[in-house]
Amino acid sequence: MYSYALLEAGCYYLVQEEENAPLILIRINVDTDHCVYVSKYMEEEIMEWKRKSDTIFDIVELLSDEVVKEWEEVYNKDAYNFQEDDE
């Protein structure tokens, strides 16, 4: 088991929060003495505070800058297409 204390602010990670749970992409936005403010990218972006002591089942990967750029292009394109469908 890992915890949010291991993750660095400004970085994107693929994590599995619980055993047998799907992988999710997270970004650590803010790092305080006891907590982190996390963005979770699923169908929609969810932002929430987590205690540094909160557990993560597995930290699968720290994403490189190049991979983050590729992901942002796909994620933003999908979000744009979704908004067009609503109109």
N, C-alpha and C. Protein backbone atom coordinates (compact mmCIF):
# COMPACT_ATOMS: atom_id res chain seq x y z
N MET A 1 0.83 -1.20 0.00
CA MET A 1 0.00 0.00 0.00
C MET A 1 0.87 1.26 0.00
N TYR A 2 0.39 2.24 -0.70
CA TYR A 2 1.06 3.53 -0.79
C TYR A 2 0.15 4.59 -0.19
N SER A 3 0.64 5.83 -0.14
CA SER A 3 -0.21 6.92 0.33
C SER A 3 0.01 8.14 -0.54
N TYR A 4 -0.89 9.11 -0.40
CA TYR A 4 -0.78 10.35 -1.16
C TYR A 4 0.46 11.16 -0.79
N ALA A 5 1.07 10.87 0.35
CA ALA A 5 2.28 11.58 0.77
C ALA A 5 3.43 11.37 -0.20
N LEU A 6 3.40 10.28 -0.96
CA LEU A 6 4.48 9.98 -1.90
C LEU A 6 4.40 10.77 -3.20
N LEU A 7 3.27 11.41 -3.47
CA LEU A 7 3.03 12.06 -4.75
C LEU A 7 3.44 13.53 -4.70
N GLU A 8 4.01 14.01 -5.81
CA GLU A 8 4.52 15.37 -5.87
C GLU A 8 3.53 16.31 -6.56
N ALA A 9 3.45 17.53 -6.06
CA ALA A 9 2.58 18.56 -6.64
C ALA A 9 3.01 18.85 -8.07
N GLY A 10 2.01 19.05 -8.94
CA GLY A 10 2.26 19.38 -10.33
C GLY A 10 2.44 18.17 -11.22
N CYS A 11 2.42 16.98 -10.65
CA CYS A 11 2.65 15.76 -11.43
C CYS A 11 1.35 14.98 -11.65
N TYR A 12 1.33 14.26 -12.78
CA TYR A 12 0.20 13.39 -13.13
C TYR A 12 0.60 11.94 -12.88
N TYR A 13 -0.32 11.18 -12.31
CA TYR A 13 -0.07 9.78 -11.99
C TYR A 13 -1.25 8.92 -12.43
N LEU A 14 -0.96 7.71 -12.86
CA LEU A 14 -1.98 6.68 -13.01
C LEU A 14 -1.95 5.88 -11.73
N VAL A 15 -3.09 5.79 -11.06
CA VAL A 15 -3.16 5.09 -9.78
C VAL A 15 -4.36 4.15 -9.75
N GLN A 16 -4.29 3.23 -8.84
CA GLN A 16 -5.42 2.37 -8.52
C GLN A 16 -5.66 2.59 -7.03
N GLU A 17 -6.76 3.25 -6.71
CA GLU A 17 -7.00 3.63 -5.31
C GLU A 17 -7.31 2.43 -4.43
N GLU A 18 -8.01 1.45 -4.98
CA GLU A 18 -8.36 0.25 -4.23
C GLU A 18 -8.08 -0.97 -5.09
N GLU A 19 -7.86 -2.09 -4.45
CA GLU A 19 -7.63 -3.33 -5.18
C GLU A 19 -8.82 -3.63 -6.08
N ASN A 20 -8.55 -4.05 -7.31
CA ASN A 20 -9.57 -4.38 -8.32
C ASN A 20 -10.35 -3.17 -8.83
N ALA A 21 -9.98 -1.97 -8.42
CA ALA A 21 -10.63 -0.76 -8.94
C ALA A 21 -9.98 -0.40 -10.28
N PRO A 22 -10.69 0.34 -11.13
CA PRO A 22 -10.07 0.77 -12.39
C PRO A 22 -8.96 1.78 -12.15
N LEU A 23 -8.08 1.89 -13.13
CA LEU A 23 -7.03 2.91 -13.07
C LEU A 23 -7.65 4.28 -13.28
N ILE A 24 -7.12 5.27 -12.58
CA ILE A 24 -7.56 6.64 -12.80
C ILE A 24 -6.32 7.53 -12.93
N LEU A 25 -6.50 8.61 -13.66
CA LEU A 25 -5.45 9.60 -13.80
C LEU A 25 -5.71 10.70 -12.78
N ILE A 26 -4.68 11.04 -12.02
CA ILE A 26 -4.81 12.11 -11.04
C ILE A 26 -3.67 13.10 -11.22
N ARG A 27 -3.91 14.31 -10.76
CA ARG A 27 -2.87 15.35 -10.72
C ARG A 27 -2.90 15.94 -9.32
N ILE A 28 -1.74 16.10 -8.74
CA ILE A 28 -1.63 16.73 -7.44
C ILE A 28 -1.48 18.23 -7.68
N ASN A 29 -2.49 19.00 -7.24
CA ASN A 29 -2.51 20.44 -7.49
C ASN A 29 -1.86 21.25 -6.38
N VAL A 30 -2.14 20.89 -5.13
CA VAL A 30 -1.65 21.63 -3.98
C VAL A 30 -1.17 20.63 -2.94
N ASP A 31 -0.06 20.95 -2.30
CA ASP A 31 0.53 20.09 -1.27
C ASP A 31 0.68 20.92 0.00
N THR A 32 -0.02 20.54 1.07
CA THR A 32 0.10 21.23 2.36
C THR A 32 0.85 20.31 3.32
N ASP A 33 0.92 20.71 4.58
CA ASP A 33 1.62 19.88 5.56
C ASP A 33 0.96 18.52 5.76
N HIS A 34 -0.38 18.48 5.67
CA HIS A 34 -1.10 17.24 5.99
C HIS A 34 -2.00 16.71 4.88
N CYS A 35 -2.22 17.52 3.84
CA CYS A 35 -3.17 17.14 2.80
C CYS A 35 -2.66 17.48 1.41
N VAL A 36 -3.35 16.94 0.40
CA VAL A 36 -3.11 17.30 -0.99
C VAL A 36 -4.46 17.57 -1.65
N TYR A 37 -4.46 18.50 -2.59
CA TYR A 37 -5.66 18.80 -3.36
C TYR A 37 -5.48 18.13 -4.72
N VAL A 38 -6.36 17.20 -5.02
CA VAL A 38 -6.19 16.29 -6.15
C VAL A 38 -7.27 16.52 -7.20
N SER A 39 -6.87 16.50 -8.47
CA SER A 39 -7.81 16.43 -9.59
C SER A 39 -7.82 15.00 -10.07
N LYS A 40 -9.03 14.43 -10.20
CA LYS A 40 -9.19 13.09 -10.75
C LYS A 40 -9.87 13.24 -12.10
N TYR A 41 -9.29 12.63 -13.11
CA TYR A 41 -9.82 12.75 -14.46
C TYR A 41 -10.52 11.45 -14.84
N MET A 42 -11.84 11.52 -14.81
CA MET A 42 -12.66 10.40 -15.23
C MET A 42 -13.54 10.94 -16.35
N GLU A 43 -14.82 10.65 -16.35
CA GLU A 43 -15.70 11.25 -17.35
C GLU A 43 -15.70 12.76 -17.20
N GLU A 44 -15.64 13.20 -15.97
CA GLU A 44 -15.52 14.62 -15.64
C GLU A 44 -14.39 14.78 -14.65
N GLU A 45 -13.84 15.97 -14.58
CA GLU A 45 -12.79 16.23 -13.60
C GLU A 45 -13.43 16.40 -12.22
N ILE A 46 -12.90 15.68 -11.26
CA ILE A 46 -13.35 15.78 -9.87
C ILE A 46 -12.17 16.28 -9.05
N MET A 47 -12.39 17.32 -8.26
CA MET A 47 -11.33 17.86 -7.42
C MET A 47 -11.72 17.67 -5.97
N GLU A 48 -10.74 17.19 -5.18
CA GLU A 48 -11.03 16.92 -3.77
C GLU A 48 -9.75 16.94 -2.95
N TRP A 49 -9.91 17.18 -1.67
CA TRP A 49 -8.81 17.12 -0.72
C TRP A 49 -8.65 15.68 -0.26
N LYS A 50 -7.41 15.27 -0.11
CA LYS A 50 -7.07 13.95 0.45
C LYS A 50 -6.03 14.15 1.54
N ARG A 51 -6.15 13.37 2.61
CA ARG A 51 -5.09 13.37 3.62
C ARG A 51 -3.87 12.68 3.03
N LYS A 52 -2.72 13.14 3.39
CA LYS A 52 -1.51 12.48 2.91
C LYS A 52 -1.44 11.03 3.39
N SER A 53 -2.09 10.74 4.49
CA SER A 53 -2.09 9.37 5.03
C SER A 53 -3.12 8.46 4.35
N ASP A 54 -4.03 9.01 3.51
CA ASP A 54 -5.00 8.18 2.79
C ASP A 54 -4.24 7.22 1.88
N THR A 55 -4.71 5.99 1.83
CA THR A 55 -3.98 4.96 1.10
C THR A 55 -4.34 4.92 -0.38
N ILE A 56 -3.37 4.47 -1.16
CA ILE A 56 -3.53 4.18 -2.58
C ILE A 56 -3.04 2.75 -2.74
N PHE A 57 -3.84 1.91 -3.36
CA PHE A 57 -3.45 0.52 -3.53
C PHE A 57 -2.18 0.40 -4.38
N ASP A 58 -2.13 1.14 -5.51
CA ASP A 58 -0.96 1.05 -6.38
C ASP A 58 -0.75 2.36 -7.13
N ILE A 59 0.48 2.82 -7.16
CA ILE A 59 0.89 3.94 -8.02
C ILE A 59 1.49 3.27 -9.24
N VAL A 60 0.75 3.26 -10.33
CA VAL A 60 1.16 2.51 -11.50
C VAL A 60 2.26 3.23 -12.27
N GLU A 61 2.09 4.56 -12.42
CA GLU A 61 3.04 5.27 -13.27
C GLU A 61 2.98 6.77 -13.03
N LEU A 62 4.14 7.41 -13.08
CA LEU A 62 4.25 8.86 -13.15
C LEU A 62 4.34 9.19 -14.62
N LEU A 63 3.42 10.02 -15.13
CA LEU A 63 3.40 10.33 -16.55
C LEU A 63 4.46 11.37 -16.90
N SER A 64 5.11 11.15 -18.03
CA SER A 64 6.10 12.10 -18.54
C SER A 64 5.36 13.31 -19.12
N ASP A 65 6.08 14.40 -19.33
CA ASP A 65 5.50 15.60 -19.92
C ASP A 65 4.94 15.32 -21.31
N GLU A 66 5.64 14.49 -22.09
CA GLU A 66 5.18 14.17 -23.45
C GLU A 66 3.85 13.42 -23.41
N VAL A 67 3.74 12.46 -22.51
CA VAL A 67 2.50 11.68 -22.40
C VAL A 67 1.36 12.57 -21.92
N VAL A 68 1.64 13.47 -21.00
CA VAL A 68 0.60 14.38 -20.51
C VAL A 68 0.09 15.25 -21.66
N LYS A 69 0.99 15.75 -22.51
CA LYS A 69 0.57 16.56 -23.66
C LYS A 69 -0.32 15.75 -24.59
N GLU A 70 0.06 14.51 -24.88
CA GLU A 70 -0.75 13.64 -25.74
C GLU A 70 -2.13 13.41 -25.11
N TRP A 71 -2.14 13.12 -23.81
CA TRP A 71 -3.41 12.88 -23.12
C TRP A 71 -4.29 14.14 -23.14
N GLU A 72 -3.70 15.32 -22.89
CA GLU A 72 -4.47 16.56 -22.88
C GLU A 72 -5.14 16.81 -24.23
N GLU A 73 -4.44 16.52 -25.32
CA GLU A 73 -5.02 16.69 -26.65
C GLU A 73 -6.26 15.81 -26.82
N VAL A 74 -6.16 14.57 -26.41
CA VAL A 74 -7.29 13.64 -26.52
C VAL A 74 -8.42 14.04 -25.57
N TYR A 75 -8.07 14.34 -24.32
CA TYR A 75 -9.07 14.68 -23.31
C TYR A 75 -9.83 15.95 -23.71
N ASN A 76 -9.10 16.98 -24.14
CA ASN A 76 -9.74 18.24 -24.53
C ASN A 76 -10.56 18.07 -25.80
N LYS A 77 -10.11 17.26 -26.73
CA LYS A 77 -10.87 16.99 -27.95
C LYS A 77 -12.17 16.29 -27.61
N ASP A 78 -12.11 15.29 -26.72
CA ASP A 78 -13.32 14.58 -26.31
C ASP A 78 -14.29 15.51 -25.59
N ALA A 79 -13.78 16.40 -24.74
CA ALA A 79 -14.63 17.35 -24.03
C ALA A 79 -15.29 18.31 -25.00
N TYR A 80 -14.54 18.77 -26.01
CA TYR A 80 -15.08 19.68 -27.02
C TYR A 80 -16.18 18.98 -27.82
N ASN A 81 -15.95 17.74 -28.23
CA ASN A 81 -16.96 16.99 -28.98
C ASN A 81 -18.20 16.74 -28.15
N PHE A 82 -18.02 16.50 -26.85
CA PHE A 82 -19.17 16.28 -25.96
C PHE A 82 -20.01 17.54 -25.87
N GLN A 83 -19.37 18.70 -25.77
CA GLN A 83 -20.10 19.97 -25.68
C GLN A 83 -20.87 20.24 -26.97
N GLU A 84 -20.29 19.92 -28.12
CA GLU A 84 -20.99 20.13 -29.38
C GLU A 84 -22.23 19.26 -29.48
N ASP A 85 -22.17 18.04 -28.95
CA ASP A 85 -23.30 17.13 -28.98
C ASP A 85 -24.47 17.64 -28.15
N ASP A 86 -24.17 18.40 -27.07
CA ASP A 86 -25.21 18.93 -26.19
C ASP A 86 -26.03 20.03 -26.85
N GLU A 87 -25.46 20.72 -27.81
CA GLU A 87 -26.13 21.88 -28.41
C GLU A 87 -27.15 21.50 -29.43
